[in-house]
């Protein structure tokens, strides 16, 4: 059985998907972009603030499932420009303990929703 996870503290889905789905003890999140959940406006001041907004959105989804970043076992980061990797990684790293950080891949893509520069999805386990 799957349980749909929804929170008003992260951007509402804008298509036929949910913020996350919990199956047993495993949470599968949809990708988050830098939308402010209160205004639904993009936060694109710079790559650092954009990445922080993405991770704050993800934090809200994890909390709605009664989890934290400590529960995350896998992340996928999609970025528009690999030259931004170090700056994205710096912000990303501040959300995880390096000794217990999840597995991850980072992929440069040709395009992301709404013209954003970064999108992150996660898998977490209770």
PDB file of N, CA and C in Angstrom:
ATOM      1  N   UNK A   1       0.840  -1.189   0.000  1.00  0.00           N
ATOM      2  CA  UNK A   1       0.000   0.000   0.000  1.00  0.00           C
ATOM      3  C   UNK A   1       0.879   1.245   0.000  1.00  0.00           C
ATOM      4  N   UNK A   2       0.438   2.223  -0.753  1.00  0.00           N
ATOM      5  CA  UNK A   2       1.179   3.472  -0.774  1.00  0.00           C
ATOM      6  C   UNK A   2       0.381   4.566  -0.084  1.00  0.00           C
ATOM      7  N   UNK A   3       1.129   5.489   0.542  1.00  0.00           N
ATOM      8  CA  UNK A   3       0.534   6.632   1.212  1.00  0.00           C
ATOM      9  C   UNK A   3       1.073   7.888   0.544  1.00  0.00           C
ATOM     10  N   UNK A   4       0.173   8.749   0.134  1.00  0.00           N
ATOM     11  CA  UNK A   4       0.571  10.000  -0.500  1.00  0.00           C
ATOM     12  C   UNK A   4       0.959  11.007   0.585  1.00  0.00           C
ATOM     13  N   UNK A   5       2.116  11.632   0.412  1.00  0.00           N
ATOM     14  CA  UNK A   5       2.612  12.645   1.342  1.00  0.00           C
ATOM     15  C   UNK A   5       2.428  14.013   0.700  1.00  0.00           C
ATOM     16  N   UNK A   6       1.704  14.887   1.419  1.00  0.00           N
ATOM     17  CA  UNK A   6       1.457  16.242   0.921  1.00  0.00           C
ATOM     18  C   UNK A   6       1.637  17.213   2.078  1.00  0.00           C
ATOM     19  N   UNK A   7       2.308  18.326   1.809  1.00  0.00           N
ATOM     20  CA  UNK A   7       2.450  19.387   2.810  1.00  0.00           C
ATOM     21  C   UNK A   7       2.298  20.742   2.139  1.00  0.00           C
ATOM     22  N   UNK A   8       1.697  21.675   2.855  1.00  0.00           N
ATOM     23  CA  UNK A   8       1.596  23.055   2.366  1.00  0.00           C
ATOM     24  C   UNK A   8       2.914  23.794   2.522  1.00  0.00           C
ATOM     25  N   UNK A   9       3.892  23.176   3.210  1.00  0.00           N
ATOM     26  CA  UNK A   9       5.191  23.813   3.432  1.00  0.00           C
ATOM     27  C   UNK A   9       6.177  23.582   2.293  1.00  0.00           C
ATOM     28  N   UNK A  10       5.714  22.913   1.249  1.00  0.00           N
ATOM     29  CA  UNK A  10       6.497  22.723   0.026  1.00  0.00           C
ATOM     30  C   UNK A  10       5.572  23.072  -1.138  1.00  0.00           C
ATOM     31  N   UNK A  11       6.132  23.398  -2.292  1.00  0.00           N
ATOM     32  CA  UNK A  11       5.290  23.774  -3.428  1.00  0.00           C
ATOM     33  C   UNK A  11       4.283  22.674  -3.791  1.00  0.00           C
ATOM     34  N   UNK A  12       3.078  23.110  -4.089  1.00  0.00           N
ATOM     35  CA  UNK A  12       2.036  22.177  -4.520  1.00  0.00           C
ATOM     36  C   UNK A  12       2.404  21.601  -5.890  1.00  0.00           C
ATOM     37  N   UNK A  13       2.080  20.347  -6.128  1.00  0.00           N
ATOM     38  CA  UNK A  13       2.338  19.764  -7.452  1.00  0.00           C
ATOM     39  C   UNK A  13       1.610  20.562  -8.544  1.00  0.00           C
ATOM     40  N   UNK A  14       2.243  20.669  -9.697  1.00  0.00           N
ATOM     41  CA  UNK A  14       1.643  21.400 -10.813  1.00  0.00           C
ATOM     42  C   UNK A  14       1.339  20.456 -11.972  1.00  0.00           C
ATOM     43  N   UNK A  15       1.111  19.201 -11.653  1.00  0.00           N
ATOM     44  CA  UNK A  15       0.806  18.195 -12.662  1.00  0.00           C
ATOM     45  C   UNK A  15       0.289  16.936 -11.995  1.00  0.00           C
ATOM     46  N   UNK A  16       0.198  15.858 -12.740  1.00  0.00           N
ATOM     47  CA  UNK A  16      -0.328  14.601 -12.203  1.00  0.00           C
ATOM     48  C   UNK A  16       0.723  13.809 -11.420  1.00  0.00           C
ATOM     49  N   UNK A  17       1.158  14.384 -10.303  1.00  0.00           N
ATOM     50  CA  UNK A  17       2.121  13.724  -9.423  1.00  0.00           C
ATOM     51  C   UNK A  17       1.924  14.257  -8.015  1.00  0.00           C
ATOM     52  N   UNK A  18       2.562  13.646  -7.046  1.00  0.00           N
ATOM     53  CA  UNK A  18       2.502  14.087  -5.657  1.00  0.00           C
ATOM     54  C   UNK A  18       3.893  14.471  -5.181  1.00  0.00           C
ATOM     55  N   UNK A  19       3.957  15.198  -4.065  1.00  0.00           N
ATOM     56  CA  UNK A  19       5.243  15.602  -3.516  1.00  0.00           C
ATOM     57  C   UNK A  19       6.080  14.388  -3.137  1.00  0.00           C
ATOM     58  N   UNK A  20       5.424  13.360  -2.606  1.00  0.00           N
ATOM     59  CA  UNK A  20       6.136  12.133  -2.225  1.00  0.00           C
ATOM     60  C   UNK A  20       5.138  10.998  -2.045  1.00  0.00           C
ATOM     61  N   UNK A  21       5.670   9.791  -2.122  1.00  0.00           N
ATOM     62  CA  UNK A  21       4.876   8.586  -1.886  1.00  0.00           C
ATOM     63  C   UNK A  21       5.646   7.716  -0.907  1.00  0.00           C
ATOM     64  N   UNK A  22       4.953   7.303   0.151  1.00  0.00           N
ATOM     65  CA  UNK A  22       5.531   6.419   1.157  1.00  0.00           C
ATOM     66  C   UNK A  22       5.020   5.005   0.901  1.00  0.00           C
ATOM     67  N   UNK A  23       5.952   4.076   0.727  1.00  0.00           N
ATOM     68  CA  UNK A  23       5.618   2.668   0.544  1.00  0.00           C
ATOM     69  C   UNK A  23       6.355   1.898   1.635  1.00  0.00           C
ATOM     70  N   UNK A  24       5.608   1.344   2.584  1.00  0.00           N
ATOM     71  CA  UNK A  24       6.250   0.713   3.730  1.00  0.00           C
ATOM     72  C   UNK A  24       7.030   1.767   4.483  1.00  0.00           C
ATOM     73  N   UNK A  25       8.316   1.542   4.641  1.00  0.00           N
ATOM     74  CA  UNK A  25       9.196   2.496   5.330  1.00  0.00           C
ATOM     75  C   UNK A  25      10.016   3.346   4.370  1.00  0.00           C
ATOM     76  N   UNK A  26       9.733   3.246   3.069  1.00  0.00           N
ATOM     77  CA  UNK A  26      10.531   3.945   2.066  1.00  0.00           C
ATOM     78  C   UNK A  26       9.746   5.094   1.451  1.00  0.00           C
ATOM     79  N   UNK A  27      10.369   6.269   1.442  1.00  0.00           N
ATOM     80  CA  UNK A  27       9.775   7.472   0.881  1.00  0.00           C
ATOM     81  C   UNK A  27      10.442   7.800  -0.450  1.00  0.00           C
ATOM     82  N   UNK A  28       9.631   7.984  -1.469  1.00  0.00           N
ATOM     83  CA  UNK A  28      10.109   8.384  -2.791  1.00  0.00           C
ATOM     84  C   UNK A  28       9.587   9.796  -3.045  1.00  0.00           C
ATOM     85  N   UNK A  29      10.496  10.751  -3.194  1.00  0.00           N
ATOM     86  CA  UNK A  29      10.055  12.129  -3.417  1.00  0.00           C
ATOM     87  C   UNK A  29      10.080  12.468  -4.897  1.00  0.00           C
ATOM     88  N   UNK A  30       9.212  13.385  -5.259  1.00  0.00           N
ATOM     89  CA  UNK A  30       9.306  13.994  -6.574  1.00  0.00           C
ATOM     90  C   UNK A  30      10.426  15.018  -6.510  1.00  0.00           C
ATOM     91  N   UNK A  31      10.906  15.419  -7.659  1.00  0.00           N
ATOM     92  CA  UNK A  31      11.940  16.448  -7.688  1.00  0.00           C
ATOM     93  C   UNK A  31      11.383  17.771  -7.185  1.00  0.00           C
ATOM     94  N   UNK A  32      12.196  18.486  -6.448  1.00  0.00           N
ATOM     95  CA  UNK A  32      11.831  19.823  -5.977  1.00  0.00           C
ATOM     96  C   UNK A  32      12.688  20.853  -6.702  1.00  0.00           C
ATOM     97  N   UNK A  33      12.047  21.961  -7.043  1.00  0.00           N
ATOM     98  CA  UNK A  33      12.755  23.099  -7.618  1.00  0.00           C
ATOM     99  C   UNK A  33      12.600  24.272  -6.658  1.00  0.00           C
ATOM    100  N   UNK A  34      13.172  25.400  -6.991  1.00  0.00           N
ATOM    101  CA  UNK A  34      13.228  26.539  -6.072  1.00  0.00           C
ATOM    102  C   UNK A  34      11.980  27.409  -6.136  1.00  0.00           C
ATOM    103  N   UNK A  35      10.834  26.796  -5.865  1.00  0.00           N
ATOM    104  CA  UNK A  35       9.596  27.561  -5.738  1.00  0.00           C
ATOM    105  C   UNK A  35       9.357  27.862  -4.266  1.00  0.00           C
ATOM    106  N   UNK A  36       9.057  29.114  -3.971  1.00  0.00           N
ATOM    107  CA  UNK A  36       8.659  29.475  -2.619  1.00  0.00           C
ATOM    108  C   UNK A  36       7.250  28.915  -2.418  1.00  0.00           C
ATOM    109  N   UNK A  37       7.025  28.041  -1.432  1.00  0.00           N
ATOM    110  CA  UNK A  37       5.719  27.395  -1.289  1.00  0.00           C
ATOM    111  C   UNK A  37       4.588  28.358  -0.917  1.00  0.00           C
ATOM    112  N   UNK A  38       4.903  29.486  -0.307  1.00  0.00           N
ATOM    113  CA  UNK A  38       3.860  30.442   0.058  1.00  0.00           C
ATOM    114  C   UNK A  38       3.398  31.271  -1.144  1.00  0.00           C
ATOM    115  N   UNK A  39       4.349  31.666  -1.992  1.00  0.00           N
ATOM    116  CA  UNK A  39       4.012  32.550  -3.111  1.00  0.00           C
ATOM    117  C   UNK A  39       3.982  31.837  -4.457  1.00  0.00           C
ATOM    118  N   UNK A  40       4.573  30.637  -4.503  1.00  0.00           N
ATOM    119  CA  UNK A  40       4.752  29.876  -5.742  1.00  0.00           C
ATOM    120  C   UNK A  40       5.580  30.668  -6.766  1.00  0.00           C
ATOM    121  N   UNK A  41       6.408  31.576  -6.262  1.00  0.00           N
ATOM    122  CA  UNK A  41       7.354  32.323  -7.097  1.00  0.00           C
ATOM    123  C   UNK A  41       8.708  31.636  -7.040  1.00  0.00           C
ATOM    124  N   UNK A  42       9.436  31.693  -8.151  1.00  0.00           N
ATOM    125  CA  UNK A  42      10.767  31.106  -8.189  1.00  0.00           C
ATOM    126  C   UNK A  42      11.759  31.942  -7.389  1.00  0.00           C
ATOM    127  N   UNK A  43      12.697  31.264  -6.724  1.00  0.00           N
ATOM    128  CA  UNK A  43      13.779  31.909  -5.985  1.00  0.00           C
ATOM    129  C   UNK A  43      15.058  31.650  -6.788  1.00  0.00           C
ATOM    130  N   UNK A  44      15.409  32.617  -7.631  1.00  0.00           N
ATOM    131  CA  UNK A  44      16.534  32.428  -8.550  1.00  0.00           C
ATOM    132  C   UNK A  44      17.586  33.518  -8.402  1.00  0.00           C
ATOM    133  N   UNK A  45      17.732  34.067  -7.183  1.00  0.00           N
ATOM    134  CA  UNK A  45      18.691  35.148  -6.958  1.00  0.00           C
ATOM    135  C   UNK A  45      20.100  34.750  -7.394  1.00  0.00           C
ATOM    136  N   UNK A  46      20.540  33.581  -6.964  1.00  0.00           N
ATOM    137  CA  UNK A  46      21.829  33.013  -7.353  1.00  0.00           C
ATOM    138  C   UNK A  46      21.744  31.514  -7.096  1.00  0.00           C
ATOM    139  N   UNK A  47      22.729  30.762  -7.530  1.00  0.00           N
ATOM    140  CA  UNK A  47      22.652  29.303  -7.436  1.00  0.00           C
ATOM    141  C   UNK A  47      22.625  28.828  -5.984  1.00  0.00           C
ATOM    142  N   UNK A  48      23.255  29.582  -5.090  1.00  0.00           N
ATOM    143  CA  UNK A  48      23.241  29.192  -3.678  1.00  0.00           C
ATOM    144  C   UNK A  48      21.835  29.334  -3.075  1.00  0.00           C
ATOM    145  N   UNK A  49      21.184  30.473  -3.285  1.00  0.00           N
ATOM    146  CA  UNK A  49      19.838  30.658  -2.724  1.00  0.00           C
ATOM    147  C   UNK A  49      18.838  29.732  -3.406  1.00  0.00           C
ATOM    148  N   UNK A  50      19.049  29.476  -4.678  1.00  0.00           N
ATOM    149  CA  UNK A  50      18.174  28.542  -5.402  1.00  0.00           C
ATOM    150  C   UNK A  50      18.297  27.134  -4.805  1.00  0.00           C
ATOM    151  N   UNK A  51      19.529  26.691  -4.581  1.00  0.00           N
ATOM    152  CA  UNK A  51      19.754  25.361  -4.018  1.00  0.00           C
ATOM    153  C   UNK A  51      19.208  25.270  -2.605  1.00  0.00           C
ATOM    154  N   UNK A  52      19.390  26.321  -1.829  1.00  0.00           N
ATOM    155  CA  UNK A  52      18.855  26.335  -0.454  1.00  0.00           C
ATOM    156  C   UNK A  52      17.339  26.206  -0.467  1.00  0.00           C
ATOM    157  N   UNK A  53      16.653  26.910  -1.370  1.00  0.00           N
ATOM    158  CA  UNK A  53      15.192  26.817  -1.443  1.00  0.00           C
ATOM    159  C   UNK A  53      14.758  25.398  -1.822  1.00  0.00           C
ATOM    160  N   UNK A  54      15.468  24.793  -2.761  1.00  0.00           N
ATOM    161  CA  UNK A  54      15.170  23.408  -3.147  1.00  0.00           C
ATOM    162  C   UNK A  54      15.271  22.498  -1.923  1.00  0.00           C
ATOM    163  N   UNK A  55      16.336  22.638  -1.167  1.00  0.00           N
ATOM    164  CA  UNK A  55      16.554  21.762  -0.011  1.00  0.00           C
ATOM    165  C   UNK A  55      15.586  22.071   1.133  1.00  0.00           C
ATOM    166  N   UNK A  56      15.190  23.321   1.288  1.00  0.00           N
ATOM    167  CA  UNK A  56      14.174  23.655   2.292  1.00  0.00           C
ATOM    168  C   UNK A  56      12.822  23.043   1.902  1.00  0.00           C
ATOM    169  N   UNK A  57      12.518  23.046   0.604  1.00  0.00           N
ATOM    170  CA  UNK A  57      11.299  22.389   0.136  1.00  0.00           C
ATOM    171  C   UNK A  57      11.364  20.893   0.424  1.00  0.00           C
ATOM    172  N   UNK A  58      12.512  20.303   0.156  1.00  0.00           N
ATOM    173  CA  UNK A  58      12.679  18.879   0.413  1.00  0.00           C
ATOM    174  C   UNK A  58      12.592  18.577   1.901  1.00  0.00           C
ATOM    175  N   UNK A  59      13.143  19.454   2.719  1.00  0.00           N
ATOM    176  CA  UNK A  59      13.063  19.289   4.172  1.00  0.00           C
ATOM    177  C   UNK A  59      11.604  19.239   4.620  1.00  0.00           C
ATOM    178  N   UNK A  60      10.774  20.109   4.057  1.00  0.00           N
ATOM    179  CA  UNK A  60       9.354  20.139   4.401  1.00  0.00           C
ATOM    180  C   UNK A  60       8.657  18.840   4.013  1.00  0.00           C
ATOM    181  N   UNK A  61       9.002  18.294   2.859  1.00  0.00           N
ATOM    182  CA  UNK A  61       8.418  17.020   2.422  1.00  0.00           C
ATOM    183  C   UNK A  61       8.855  15.897   3.353  1.00  0.00           C
ATOM    184  N   UNK A  62      10.139  15.859   3.689  1.00  0.00           N
ATOM    185  CA  UNK A  62      10.634  14.847   4.617  1.00  0.00           C
ATOM    186  C   UNK A  62       9.920  14.954   5.962  1.00  0.00           C
ATOM    187  N   UNK A  63       9.770  16.166   6.474  1.00  0.00           N
ATOM    188  CA  UNK A  63       9.097  16.369   7.757  1.00  0.00           C
ATOM    189  C   UNK A  63       7.643  15.904   7.705  1.00  0.00           C
ATOM    190  N   UNK A  64       6.972  16.119   6.574  1.00  0.00           N
ATOM    191  CA  UNK A  64       5.584  15.672   6.425  1.00  0.00           C
ATOM    192  C   UNK A  64       5.482  14.153   6.520  1.00  0.00           C
ATOM    193  N   UNK A  65       6.570  13.469   6.183  1.00  0.00           N
ATOM    194  CA  UNK A  65       6.631  12.005   6.281  1.00  0.00           C
ATOM    195  C   UNK A  65       7.279  11.559   7.589  1.00  0.00           C
ATOM    196  N   UNK A  66       7.470  12.521   8.506  1.00  0.00           N
ATOM    197  CA  UNK A  66       8.107  12.260   9.799  1.00  0.00           C
ATOM    198  C   UNK A  66       9.524  11.715   9.639  1.00  0.00           C
ATOM    199  N   UNK A  67      10.266  12.356   8.733  1.00  0.00           N
ATOM    200  CA  UNK A  67      11.655  12.001   8.474  1.00  0.00           C
ATOM    201  C   UNK A  67      12.503  13.267   8.455  1.00  0.00           C
ATOM    202  N   UNK A  68      13.836  13.055   8.403  1.00  0.00           N
ATOM    203  CA  UNK A  68      14.792  14.146   8.283  1.00  0.00           C
ATOM    204  C   UNK A  68      15.805  13.768   7.202  1.00  0.00           C
ATOM    205  N   UNK A  69      16.772  14.637   6.987  1.00  0.00           N
ATOM    206  CA  UNK A  69      17.833  14.329   6.025  1.00  0.00           C
ATOM    207  C   UNK A  69      18.647  13.107   6.454  1.00  0.00           C
ATOM    208  N   UNK A  70      18.620  12.788   7.738  1.00  0.00           N
ATOM    209  CA  UNK A  70      19.312  11.576   8.222  1.00  0.00           C
ATOM    210  C   UNK A  70      18.704  10.306   7.640  1.00  0.00           C
ATOM    211  N   UNK A  71      17.434  10.356   7.240  1.00  0.00           N
ATOM    212  CA  UNK A  71      16.756   9.194   6.671  1.00  0.00           C
ATOM    213  C   UNK A  71      17.041   9.010   5.182  1.00  0.00           C
ATOM    214  N   UNK A  72      17.623  10.007   4.553  1.00  0.00           N
ATOM    215  CA  UNK A  72      17.839   9.970   3.102  1.00  0.00           C
ATOM    216  C   UNK A  72      18.961   8.983   2.757  1.00  0.00           C
ATOM    217  N   UNK A  73      18.654   8.065   1.835  1.00  0.00           N
ATOM    218  CA  UNK A  73      19.642   7.072   1.417  1.00  0.00           C
ATOM    219  C   UNK A  73      20.136   7.303  -0.012  1.00  0.00           C
ATOM    220  N   UNK A  74      19.396   8.114  -0.787  1.00  0.00           N
ATOM    221  CA  UNK A  74      19.769   8.322  -2.187  1.00  0.00           C
ATOM    222  C   UNK A  74      19.234   9.667  -2.653  1.00  0.00           C
ATOM    223  N   UNK A  75      20.052  10.426  -3.350  1.00  0.00           N
ATOM    224  CA  UNK A  75      19.590  11.670  -3.966  1.00  0.00           C
ATOM    225  C   UNK A  75      20.005  11.690  -5.431  1.00  0.00           C
ATOM    226  N   UNK A  76      19.232  12.419  -6.191  1.00  0.00           N
ATOM    227  CA  UNK A  76      19.573  12.697  -7.579  1.00  0.00           C
ATOM    228  C   UNK A  76      19.504  14.201  -7.760  1.00  0.00           C
ATOM    229  N   UNK A  77      20.580  14.765  -8.276  1.00  0.00           N
ATOM    230  CA  UNK A  77      20.646  16.207  -8.520  1.00  0.00           C
ATOM    231  C   UNK A  77      20.755  16.422 -10.025  1.00  0.00           C
ATOM    232  N   UNK A  78      19.818  17.195 -10.547  1.00  0.00           N
ATOM    233  CA  UNK A  78      19.841  17.576 -11.958  1.00  0.00           C
ATOM    234  C   UNK A  78      20.248  19.040 -12.012  1.00  0.00           C
ATOM    235  N   UNK A  79      21.277  19.345 -12.800  1.00  0.00           N
ATOM    236  CA  UNK A  79      21.725  20.737 -12.911  1.00  0.00           C
ATOM    237  C   UNK A  79      21.865  21.128 -14.380  1.00  0.00           C
ATOM    238  N   UNK A  80      21.668  22.408 -14.611  1.00  0.00           N
ATOM    239  CA  UNK A  80      21.769  22.924 -15.978  1.00  0.00           C
ATOM    240  C   UNK A  80      23.211  23.122 -16.410  1.00  0.00           C
ATOM    241  N   UNK A  81      24.084  23.457 -15.462  1.00  0.00           N
ATOM    242  CA  UNK A  81      25.465  23.799 -15.808  1.00  0.00           C
ATOM    243  C   UNK A  81      26.409  23.160 -14.792  1.00  0.00           C
ATOM    244  N   UNK A  82      27.213  22.229 -15.241  1.00  0.00           N
ATOM    245  CA  UNK A  82      28.144  21.539 -14.343  1.00  0.00           C
ATOM    246  C   UNK A  82      29.138  22.505 -13.705  1.00  0.00           C
ATOM    247  N   UNK A  83      29.295  23.693 -14.278  1.00  0.00           N
ATOM    248  CA  UNK A  83      30.166  24.696 -13.657  1.00  0.00           C
ATOM    249  C   UNK A  83      29.607  25.190 -12.321  1.00  0.00           C
ATOM    250  N   UNK A  84      28.317  24.966 -12.071  1.00  0.00           N
ATOM    251  CA  UNK A  84      27.694  25.339 -10.801  1.00  0.00           C
ATOM    252  C   UNK A  84      27.841  24.254  -9.739  1.00  0.00           C
ATOM    253  N   UNK A  85      28.415  23.112 -10.105  1.00  0.00           N
ATOM    254  CA  UNK A  85      28.455  21.956  -9.196  1.00  0.00           C
ATOM    255  C   UNK A  85      29.056  22.285  -7.836  1.00  0.00           C
ATOM    256  N   UNK A  86      30.195  22.940  -7.781  1.00  0.00           N
ATOM    257  CA  UNK A  86      30.867  23.207  -6.497  1.00  0.00           C
ATOM    258  C   UNK A  86      29.998  24.069  -5.591  1.00  0.00           C
ATOM    259  N   UNK A  87      29.336  25.063  -6.149  1.00  0.00           N
ATOM    260  CA  UNK A  87      28.487  25.945  -5.345  1.00  0.00           C
ATOM    261  C   UNK A  87      27.232  25.222  -4.869  1.00  0.00           C
ATOM    262  N   UNK A  88      26.643  24.397  -5.723  1.00  0.00           N
ATOM    263  CA  UNK A  88      25.490  23.585  -5.330  1.00  0.00           C
ATOM    264  C   UNK A  88      25.913  22.597  -4.257  1.00  0.00           C
ATOM    265  N   UNK A  89      27.043  21.945  -4.460  1.00  0.00           N
ATOM    266  CA  UNK A  89      27.548  20.934  -3.532  1.00  0.00           C
ATOM    267  C   UNK A  89      27.823  21.532  -2.151  1.00  0.00           C
ATOM    268  N   UNK A  90      28.291  22.763  -2.109  1.00  0.00           N
ATOM    269  CA  UNK A  90      28.566  23.424  -0.835  1.00  0.00           C
ATOM    270  C   UNK A  90      27.278  23.579  -0.018  1.00  0.00           C
ATOM    271  N   UNK A  91      26.204  24.031  -0.646  1.00  0.00           N
ATOM    272  CA  UNK A  91      24.923  24.179   0.042  1.00  0.00           C
ATOM    273  C   UNK A  91      24.356  22.802   0.389  1.00  0.00           C
ATOM    274  N   UNK A  92      24.364  21.901  -0.571  1.00  0.00           N
ATOM    275  CA  UNK A  92      23.871  20.533  -0.360  1.00  0.00           C
ATOM    276  C   UNK A  92      24.576  19.888   0.833  1.00  0.00           C
ATOM    277  N   UNK A  93      25.881  20.025   0.903  1.00  0.00           N
ATOM    278  CA  UNK A  93      26.669  19.421   1.971  1.00  0.00           C
ATOM    279  C   UNK A  93      26.323  19.942   3.349  1.00  0.00           C
ATOM    280  N   UNK A  94      25.791  21.149   3.430  1.00  0.00           N
ATOM    281  CA  UNK A  94      25.421  21.707   4.732  1.00  0.00           C
ATOM    282  C   UNK A  94      24.167  21.050   5.316  1.00  0.00           C
ATOM    283  N   UNK A  95      23.457  20.284   4.524  1.00  0.00           N
ATOM    284  CA  UNK A  95      22.241  19.596   4.981  1.00  0.00           C
ATOM    285  C   UNK A  95      22.499  18.150   5.411  1.00  0.00           C
ATOM    286  N   UNK A  96      23.706  17.661   5.169  1.00  0.00           N
ATOM    287  CA  UNK A  96      24.026  16.267   5.469  1.00  0.00           C
ATOM    288  C   UNK A  96      25.292  16.158   6.301  1.00  0.00           C
ATOM    289  N   UNK A  97      25.350  15.122   7.120  1.00  0.00           N
ATOM    290  CA  UNK A  97      26.583  14.759   7.822  1.00  0.00           C
ATOM    291  C   UNK A  97      27.410  13.969   6.808  1.00  0.00           C
ATOM    292  N   UNK A  98      28.596  14.430   6.526  1.00  0.00           N
ATOM    293  CA  UNK A  98      29.418  13.794   5.487  1.00  0.00           C
ATOM    294  C   UNK A  98      29.659  12.310   5.752  1.00  0.00           C
ATOM    295  N   UNK A  99      29.759  11.924   7.027  1.00  0.00           N
ATOM    296  CA  UNK A  99      30.025  10.519   7.365  1.00  0.00           C
ATOM    297  C   UNK A  99      28.841   9.615   7.051  1.00  0.00           C
ATOM    298  N   UNK A 100      27.625  10.162   7.065  1.00  0.00           N
ATOM    299  CA  UNK A 100      26.432   9.345   6.813  1.00  0.00           C
ATOM    300  C   UNK A 100      25.641   9.847   5.611  1.00  0.00           C
ATOM    301  N   UNK A 101      26.279  10.635   4.759  1.00  0.00           N
ATOM    302  CA  UNK A 101      25.600  11.204   3.588  1.00  0.00           C
ATOM    303  C   UNK A 101      25.078  10.091   2.680  1.00  0.00           C
ATOM    304  N   UNK A 102      23.991  10.376   1.960  1.00  0.00           N
ATOM    305  CA  UNK A 102      23.412   9.357   1.078  1.00  0.00           C
ATOM    306  C   UNK A 102      24.238   9.125  -0.185  1.00  0.00           C
ATOM    307  N   UNK A 103      23.904   8.056  -0.871  1.00  0.00           N
ATOM    308  CA  UNK A 103      24.438   7.852  -2.221  1.00  0.00           C
ATOM    309  C   UNK A 103      23.844   8.958  -3.100  1.00  0.00           C
ATOM    310  N   UNK A 104      24.533   9.281  -4.204  1.00  0.00           N
ATOM    311  CA  UNK A 104      24.069  10.403  -5.018  1.00  0.00           C
ATOM    312  C   UNK A 104      24.624  10.330  -6.419  1.00  0.00           C
ATOM    313  N   UNK A 105      23.840  10.856  -7.349  1.00  0.00           N
ATOM    314  CA  UNK A 105      24.391  11.171  -8.659  1.00  0.00           C
ATOM    315  C   UNK A 105      23.998  12.593  -8.998  1.00  0.00           C
ATOM    316  N   UNK A 106      24.848  13.234  -9.774  1.00  0.00           N
ATOM    317  CA  UNK A 106      24.593  14.589 -10.244  1.00  0.00           C
ATOM    318  C   UNK A 106      24.717  14.558 -11.759  1.00  0.00           C
ATOM    319  N   UNK A 107      23.675  15.050 -12.420  1.00  0.00           N
ATOM    320  CA  UNK A 107      23.602  14.956 -13.870  1.00  0.00           C
ATOM    321  C   UNK A 107      23.327  16.326 -14.466  1.00  0.00           C
ATOM    322  N   UNK A 108      24.112  16.697 -15.461  1.00  0.00           N
ATOM    323  CA  UNK A 108      23.824  17.925 -16.203  1.00  0.00           C
ATOM    324  C   UNK A 108      22.772  17.592 -17.242  1.00  0.00           C
ATOM    325  N   UNK A 109      21.749  18.457 -17.343  1.00  0.00           N
ATOM    326  CA  UNK A 109      20.639  18.210 -18.254  1.00  0.00           C
ATOM    327  C   UNK A 109      20.472  19.363 -19.236  1.00  0.00           C
ATOM    328  N   UNK A 110      19.694  19.126 -20.276  1.00  0.00           N
ATOM    329  CA  UNK A 110      19.467  20.150 -21.293  1.00  0.00           C
ATOM    330  C   UNK A 110      18.412  21.160 -20.874  1.00  0.00           C
ATOM    331  N   UNK A 111      17.551  20.789 -19.929  1.00  0.00           N
ATOM    332  CA  UNK A 111      16.513  21.710 -19.484  1.00  0.00           C
ATOM    333  C   UNK A 111      15.813  21.191 -18.245  1.00  0.00           C
ATOM    334  N   UNK A 112      15.286  22.119 -17.445  1.00  0.00           N
ATOM    335  CA  UNK A 112      14.536  21.789 -16.230  1.00  0.00           C
ATOM    336  C   UNK A 112      13.250  22.609 -16.214  1.00  0.00           C
ATOM    337  N   UNK A 113      12.248  22.171 -15.427  1.00  0.00           N
ATOM    338  CA  UNK A 113      10.982  22.893 -15.376  1.00  0.00           C
ATOM    339  C   UNK A 113      11.158  24.362 -15.013  1.00  0.00           C
ATOM    340  N   UNK A 114      10.381  25.208 -15.670  1.00  0.00           N
ATOM    341  CA  UNK A 114      10.341  26.652 -15.390  1.00  0.00           C
ATOM    342  C   UNK A 114      11.689  27.344 -15.557  1.00  0.00           C
ATOM    343  N   UNK A 115      12.627  26.707 -16.261  1.00  0.00           N
ATOM    344  CA  UNK A 115      13.925  27.324 -16.512  1.00  0.00           C
ATOM    345  C   UNK A 115      14.835  27.417 -15.303  1.00  0.00           C
ATOM    346  N   UNK A 116      14.596  26.573 -14.289  1.00  0.00           N
ATOM    347  CA  UNK A 116      15.438  26.596 -13.093  1.00  0.00           C
ATOM    348  C   UNK A 116      16.806  25.998 -13.396  1.00  0.00           C
ATOM    349  N   UNK A 117      17.718  26.143 -12.447  1.00  0.00           N
ATOM    350  CA  UNK A 117      19.087  25.669 -12.622  1.00  0.00           C
ATOM    351  C   UNK A 117      19.388  24.375 -11.896  1.00  0.00           C
ATOM    352  N   UNK A 118      18.517  23.988 -10.935  1.00  0.00           N
ATOM    353  CA  UNK A 118      18.762  22.783 -10.145  1.00  0.00           C
ATOM    354  C   UNK A 118      17.438  22.166  -9.709  1.00  0.00           C
ATOM    355  N   UNK A 119      17.398  20.840  -9.712  1.00  0.00           N
ATOM    356  CA  UNK A 119      16.258  20.069  -9.210  1.00  0.00           C
ATOM    357  C   UNK A 119      16.829  18.871  -8.462  1.00  0.00           C
ATOM    358  N   UNK A 120      16.229  18.555  -7.314  1.00  0.00           N
ATOM    359  CA  UNK A 120      16.725  17.449  -6.488  1.00  0.00           C
ATOM    360  C   UNK A 120      15.571  16.542  -6.095  1.00  0.00           C
ATOM    361  N   UNK A 121      15.785  15.233  -6.204  1.00  0.00           N
ATOM    362  CA  UNK A 121      14.836  14.244  -5.698  1.00  0.00           C
ATOM    363  C   UNK A 121      15.565  13.329  -4.725  1.00  0.00           C
ATOM    364  N   UNK A 122      14.804  12.654  -3.878  1.00  0.00           N
ATOM    365  CA  UNK A 122      15.409  11.822  -2.826  1.00  0.00           C
ATOM    366  C   UNK A 122      14.614  10.532  -2.587  1.00  0.00           C
ATOM    367  N   UNK A 123      15.313   9.573  -2.029  1.00  0.00           N
ATOM    368  CA  UNK A 123      14.700   8.373  -1.477  1.00  0.00           C
ATOM    369  C   UNK A 123      15.150   8.317  -0.021  1.00  0.00           C
ATOM    370  N   UNK A 124      14.199   8.115   0.887  1.00  0.00           N
ATOM    371  CA  UNK A 124      14.516   8.060   2.313  1.00  0.00           C
ATOM    372  C   UNK A 124      13.857   6.820   2.928  1.00  0.00           C
ATOM    373  N   UNK A 125      14.464   6.326   4.013  1.00  0.00           N
ATOM    374  CA  UNK A 125      13.968   5.131   4.673  1.00  0.00           C
ATOM    375  C   UNK A 125      13.890   5.384   6.178  1.00  0.00           C
ATOM    376  N   UNK A 126      12.756   4.996   6.794  1.00  0.00           N
ATOM    377  CA  UNK A 126      12.599   5.125   8.251  1.00  0.00           C
ATOM    378  C   UNK A 126      13.325   3.982   8.915  1.00  0.00           C
TER     379      UNK A 126
END
